[in-house]
Amino acid sequence: MRISLFAVGRLKTGPEKELVARYLDRLVKTGPATGLEFMRVVEVAESRAANAETRKREEAALLEKALPENAVLVLLDERGKA
């Protein structure tokens, strides 16, 4: 299975970027043994709309447009539940 990471906005320099780099490095090294292949990171621009609902809608459209055909979509949210 090929894995791509799609995100809204640019990852800024700092601890979060270093953590992402560590996990992506792990995926590249251990993924093939488990049938996973890391493909790419795609960052789409943040919306500049005045209200949150419009921003969410615009960003969702950009993410959807960036997805390859027949992709399986998994959404992650730091406030989500297991």
N, C-alpha and C. Protein backbone atom coordinates (compact mmCIF):
# COMPACT_ATOMS: atom_id res chain seq x y z
N MET A 1 0.84 -1.17 0.00
CA MET A 1 0.00 0.00 0.00
C MET A 1 0.89 1.24 0.00
N ARG A 2 0.58 2.17 -0.88
CA ARG A 2 1.33 3.42 -0.94
C ARG A 2 0.67 4.48 -0.07
N ILE A 3 1.46 5.16 0.74
CA ILE A 3 0.94 6.15 1.67
C ILE A 3 1.47 7.53 1.31
N SER A 4 0.54 8.48 1.23
CA SER A 4 0.88 9.89 1.05
C SER A 4 0.24 10.66 2.20
N LEU A 5 0.88 11.72 2.62
CA LEU A 5 0.37 12.56 3.69
C LEU A 5 -0.06 13.89 3.10
N PHE A 6 -1.32 14.25 3.32
CA PHE A 6 -1.87 15.50 2.81
C PHE A 6 -2.20 16.38 4.00
N ALA A 7 -1.79 17.66 3.95
CA ALA A 7 -2.01 18.56 5.08
C ALA A 7 -2.35 19.95 4.58
N VAL A 8 -3.06 20.68 5.43
CA VAL A 8 -3.38 22.08 5.15
C VAL A 8 -2.29 22.93 5.77
N GLY A 9 -1.69 23.81 4.98
CA GLY A 9 -0.65 24.70 5.47
C GLY A 9 0.74 24.09 5.39
N ARG A 10 1.71 24.88 5.69
CA ARG A 10 3.12 24.46 5.64
C ARG A 10 3.58 24.12 7.05
N LEU A 11 4.35 23.05 7.17
CA LEU A 11 4.92 22.67 8.45
C LEU A 11 6.10 23.60 8.71
N LYS A 12 6.03 24.31 9.81
CA LYS A 12 7.08 25.28 10.15
C LYS A 12 8.24 24.60 10.88
N THR A 13 9.38 25.22 10.84
CA THR A 13 10.56 24.70 11.51
C THR A 13 10.31 24.64 13.01
N GLY A 14 10.78 23.59 13.64
CA GLY A 14 10.62 23.46 15.08
C GLY A 14 10.45 22.01 15.46
N PRO A 15 10.03 21.77 16.70
CA PRO A 15 9.92 20.40 17.21
C PRO A 15 8.94 19.54 16.42
N GLU A 16 7.83 20.13 15.98
CA GLU A 16 6.85 19.35 15.22
C GLU A 16 7.44 18.86 13.91
N LYS A 17 8.17 19.72 13.23
CA LYS A 17 8.78 19.34 11.95
C LYS A 17 9.80 18.23 12.16
N GLU A 18 10.58 18.31 13.23
CA GLU A 18 11.56 17.27 13.54
C GLU A 18 10.87 15.95 13.85
N LEU A 19 9.75 16.00 14.56
CA LEU A 19 9.01 14.79 14.89
C LEU A 19 8.44 14.14 13.62
N VAL A 20 7.88 14.96 12.74
CA VAL A 20 7.37 14.44 11.47
C VAL A 20 8.49 13.79 10.68
N ALA A 21 9.64 14.44 10.62
CA ALA A 21 10.78 13.88 9.88
C ALA A 21 11.20 12.53 10.45
N ARG A 22 11.19 12.40 11.78
CA ARG A 22 11.55 11.12 12.41
C ARG A 22 10.57 10.02 12.03
N TYR A 23 9.27 10.33 12.08
CA TYR A 23 8.27 9.31 11.75
C TYR A 23 8.29 8.94 10.27
N LEU A 24 8.51 9.93 9.41
CA LEU A 24 8.60 9.62 7.98
C LEU A 24 9.82 8.78 7.69
N ASP A 25 10.93 9.05 8.37
CA ASP A 25 12.14 8.24 8.22
C ASP A 25 11.87 6.80 8.65
N ARG A 26 11.16 6.63 9.75
CA ARG A 26 10.80 5.28 10.21
C ARG A 26 9.95 4.56 9.18
N LEU A 27 8.98 5.28 8.61
CA LEU A 27 8.10 4.67 7.62
C LEU A 27 8.88 4.23 6.39
N VAL A 28 9.80 5.07 5.94
CA VAL A 28 10.61 4.73 4.76
C VAL A 28 11.45 3.49 5.04
N LYS A 29 11.99 3.38 6.25
CA LYS A 29 12.89 2.26 6.58
C LYS A 29 12.14 0.97 6.90
N THR A 30 11.02 1.05 7.62
CA THR A 30 10.33 -0.16 8.06
C THR A 30 9.09 -0.49 7.25
N GLY A 31 8.59 0.47 6.50
CA GLY A 31 7.36 0.26 5.74
C GLY A 31 7.39 -0.90 4.77
N PRO A 32 8.43 -1.02 3.94
CA PRO A 32 8.45 -2.11 2.96
C PRO A 32 8.29 -3.50 3.57
N ALA A 33 8.82 -3.71 4.75
CA ALA A 33 8.69 -5.03 5.39
C ALA A 33 7.25 -5.33 5.77
N THR A 34 6.45 -4.28 5.93
CA THR A 34 5.04 -4.46 6.31
C THR A 34 4.09 -4.18 5.14
N GLY A 35 4.66 -3.97 3.95
CA GLY A 35 3.83 -3.73 2.77
C GLY A 35 3.43 -2.29 2.58
N LEU A 36 4.10 -1.37 3.27
CA LEU A 36 3.79 0.06 3.15
C LEU A 36 4.91 0.78 2.42
N GLU A 37 4.54 1.67 1.54
CA GLU A 37 5.52 2.46 0.79
C GLU A 37 5.16 3.92 0.92
N PHE A 38 6.08 4.72 1.46
CA PHE A 38 5.83 6.16 1.59
C PHE A 38 6.06 6.82 0.26
N MET A 39 5.08 7.62 -0.19
CA MET A 39 5.16 8.27 -1.49
C MET A 39 5.57 9.74 -1.39
N ARG A 40 4.80 10.53 -0.63
CA ARG A 40 5.06 11.97 -0.64
C ARG A 40 4.26 12.69 0.43
N VAL A 41 4.64 13.94 0.67
CA VAL A 41 3.87 14.86 1.51
C VAL A 41 3.33 15.94 0.59
N VAL A 42 2.02 16.19 0.70
CA VAL A 42 1.38 17.24 -0.09
C VAL A 42 0.81 18.26 0.88
N GLU A 43 1.24 19.50 0.75
CA GLU A 43 0.73 20.58 1.60
C GLU A 43 -0.08 21.53 0.71
N VAL A 44 -1.35 21.73 1.08
CA VAL A 44 -2.18 22.67 0.34
C VAL A 44 -2.27 23.98 1.12
N ALA A 45 -2.50 25.06 0.40
CA ALA A 45 -2.52 26.39 1.01
C ALA A 45 -3.69 26.53 1.99
N GLU A 46 -3.44 27.26 3.06
CA GLU A 46 -4.50 27.59 4.01
C GLU A 46 -5.44 28.61 3.38
N SER A 47 -6.72 28.45 3.65
CA SER A 47 -7.70 29.41 3.16
C SER A 47 -7.57 30.72 3.93
N ARG A 48 -7.87 31.81 3.28
CA ARG A 48 -7.85 33.12 3.93
C ARG A 48 -9.27 33.66 4.12
N ALA A 49 -10.25 32.78 4.03
CA ALA A 49 -11.64 33.19 4.20
C ALA A 49 -11.87 33.76 5.59
N ALA A 50 -12.85 34.64 5.69
CA ALA A 50 -13.11 35.36 6.93
C ALA A 50 -13.70 34.48 8.03
N ASN A 51 -14.48 33.46 7.68
CA ASN A 51 -15.09 32.65 8.74
C ASN A 51 -14.65 31.19 8.64
N ALA A 52 -14.77 30.50 9.76
CA ALA A 52 -14.26 29.13 9.87
C ALA A 52 -14.95 28.16 8.92
N GLU A 53 -16.25 28.26 8.77
CA GLU A 53 -16.97 27.33 7.90
C GLU A 53 -16.51 27.44 6.45
N THR A 54 -16.32 28.65 5.98
CA THR A 54 -15.85 28.86 4.60
C THR A 54 -14.43 28.36 4.45
N ARG A 55 -13.58 28.62 5.45
CA ARG A 55 -12.19 28.12 5.41
C ARG A 55 -12.17 26.60 5.31
N LYS A 56 -12.96 25.94 6.15
CA LYS A 56 -13.01 24.47 6.14
C LYS A 56 -13.46 23.96 4.78
N ARG A 57 -14.48 24.57 4.22
CA ARG A 57 -15.00 24.14 2.93
C ARG A 57 -13.95 24.32 1.83
N GLU A 58 -13.28 25.47 1.80
CA GLU A 58 -12.26 25.74 0.79
C GLU A 58 -11.07 24.79 0.93
N GLU A 59 -10.61 24.57 2.16
CA GLU A 59 -9.47 23.68 2.38
C GLU A 59 -9.83 22.23 2.05
N ALA A 60 -11.05 21.82 2.38
CA ALA A 60 -11.50 20.47 2.04
C ALA A 60 -11.49 20.27 0.52
N ALA A 61 -11.93 21.29 -0.21
CA ALA A 61 -11.95 21.20 -1.68
C ALA A 61 -10.53 21.07 -2.22
N LEU A 62 -9.59 21.81 -1.67
CA LEU A 62 -8.20 21.72 -2.11
C LEU A 62 -7.61 20.34 -1.83
N LEU A 63 -7.90 19.80 -0.66
CA LEU A 63 -7.41 18.46 -0.31
C LEU A 63 -8.02 17.41 -1.22
N GLU A 64 -9.32 17.52 -1.46
CA GLU A 64 -9.99 16.55 -2.32
C GLU A 64 -9.43 16.58 -3.74
N LYS A 65 -9.14 17.78 -4.22
CA LYS A 65 -8.58 17.93 -5.56
C LYS A 65 -7.18 17.32 -5.66
N ALA A 66 -6.43 17.35 -4.57
CA ALA A 66 -5.05 16.84 -4.57
C ALA A 66 -4.98 15.32 -4.46
N LEU A 67 -6.07 14.67 -4.03
CA LEU A 67 -6.07 13.21 -3.85
C LEU A 67 -6.02 12.49 -5.18
N PRO A 68 -5.26 11.41 -5.26
CA PRO A 68 -5.26 10.60 -6.48
C PRO A 68 -6.61 9.88 -6.62
N GLU A 69 -6.92 9.53 -7.83
CA GLU A 69 -8.15 8.78 -8.09
C GLU A 69 -8.10 7.44 -7.36
N ASN A 70 -9.21 7.01 -6.82
CA ASN A 70 -9.36 5.73 -6.10
C ASN A 70 -8.56 5.67 -4.80
N ALA A 71 -8.18 6.80 -4.25
CA ALA A 71 -7.44 6.80 -2.98
C ALA A 71 -8.38 6.46 -1.83
N VAL A 72 -7.85 5.82 -0.81
CA VAL A 72 -8.58 5.59 0.43
C VAL A 72 -8.20 6.74 1.35
N LEU A 73 -9.20 7.44 1.85
CA LEU A 73 -8.97 8.63 2.65
C LEU A 73 -9.12 8.31 4.13
N VAL A 74 -8.10 8.67 4.93
CA VAL A 74 -8.14 8.52 6.38
C VAL A 74 -7.90 9.90 6.96
N LEU A 75 -8.82 10.38 7.78
CA LEU A 75 -8.71 11.71 8.37
C LEU A 75 -8.23 11.61 9.80
N LEU A 76 -7.31 12.50 10.17
CA LEU A 76 -6.78 12.53 11.53
C LEU A 76 -7.07 13.89 12.16
N ASP A 77 -7.46 13.87 13.42
CA ASP A 77 -7.77 15.10 14.15
C ASP A 77 -7.24 14.94 15.56
N GLU A 78 -6.44 15.90 16.03
CA GLU A 78 -5.84 15.77 17.35
C GLU A 78 -6.89 15.71 18.46
N ARG A 79 -8.12 16.12 18.18
CA ARG A 79 -9.18 16.05 19.18
C ARG A 79 -10.05 14.81 19.01
N GLY A 80 -9.70 13.98 18.03
CA GLY A 80 -10.50 12.79 17.75
C GLY A 80 -10.35 11.73 18.82
N LYS A 81 -11.20 10.73 18.73
CA LYS A 81 -11.17 9.62 19.68
C LYS A 81 -10.79 8.35 18.95
N ALA A 82 -10.12 7.45 19.65
CA ALA A 82 -9.70 6.18 19.05
C ALA A 82 -10.92 5.35 18.67
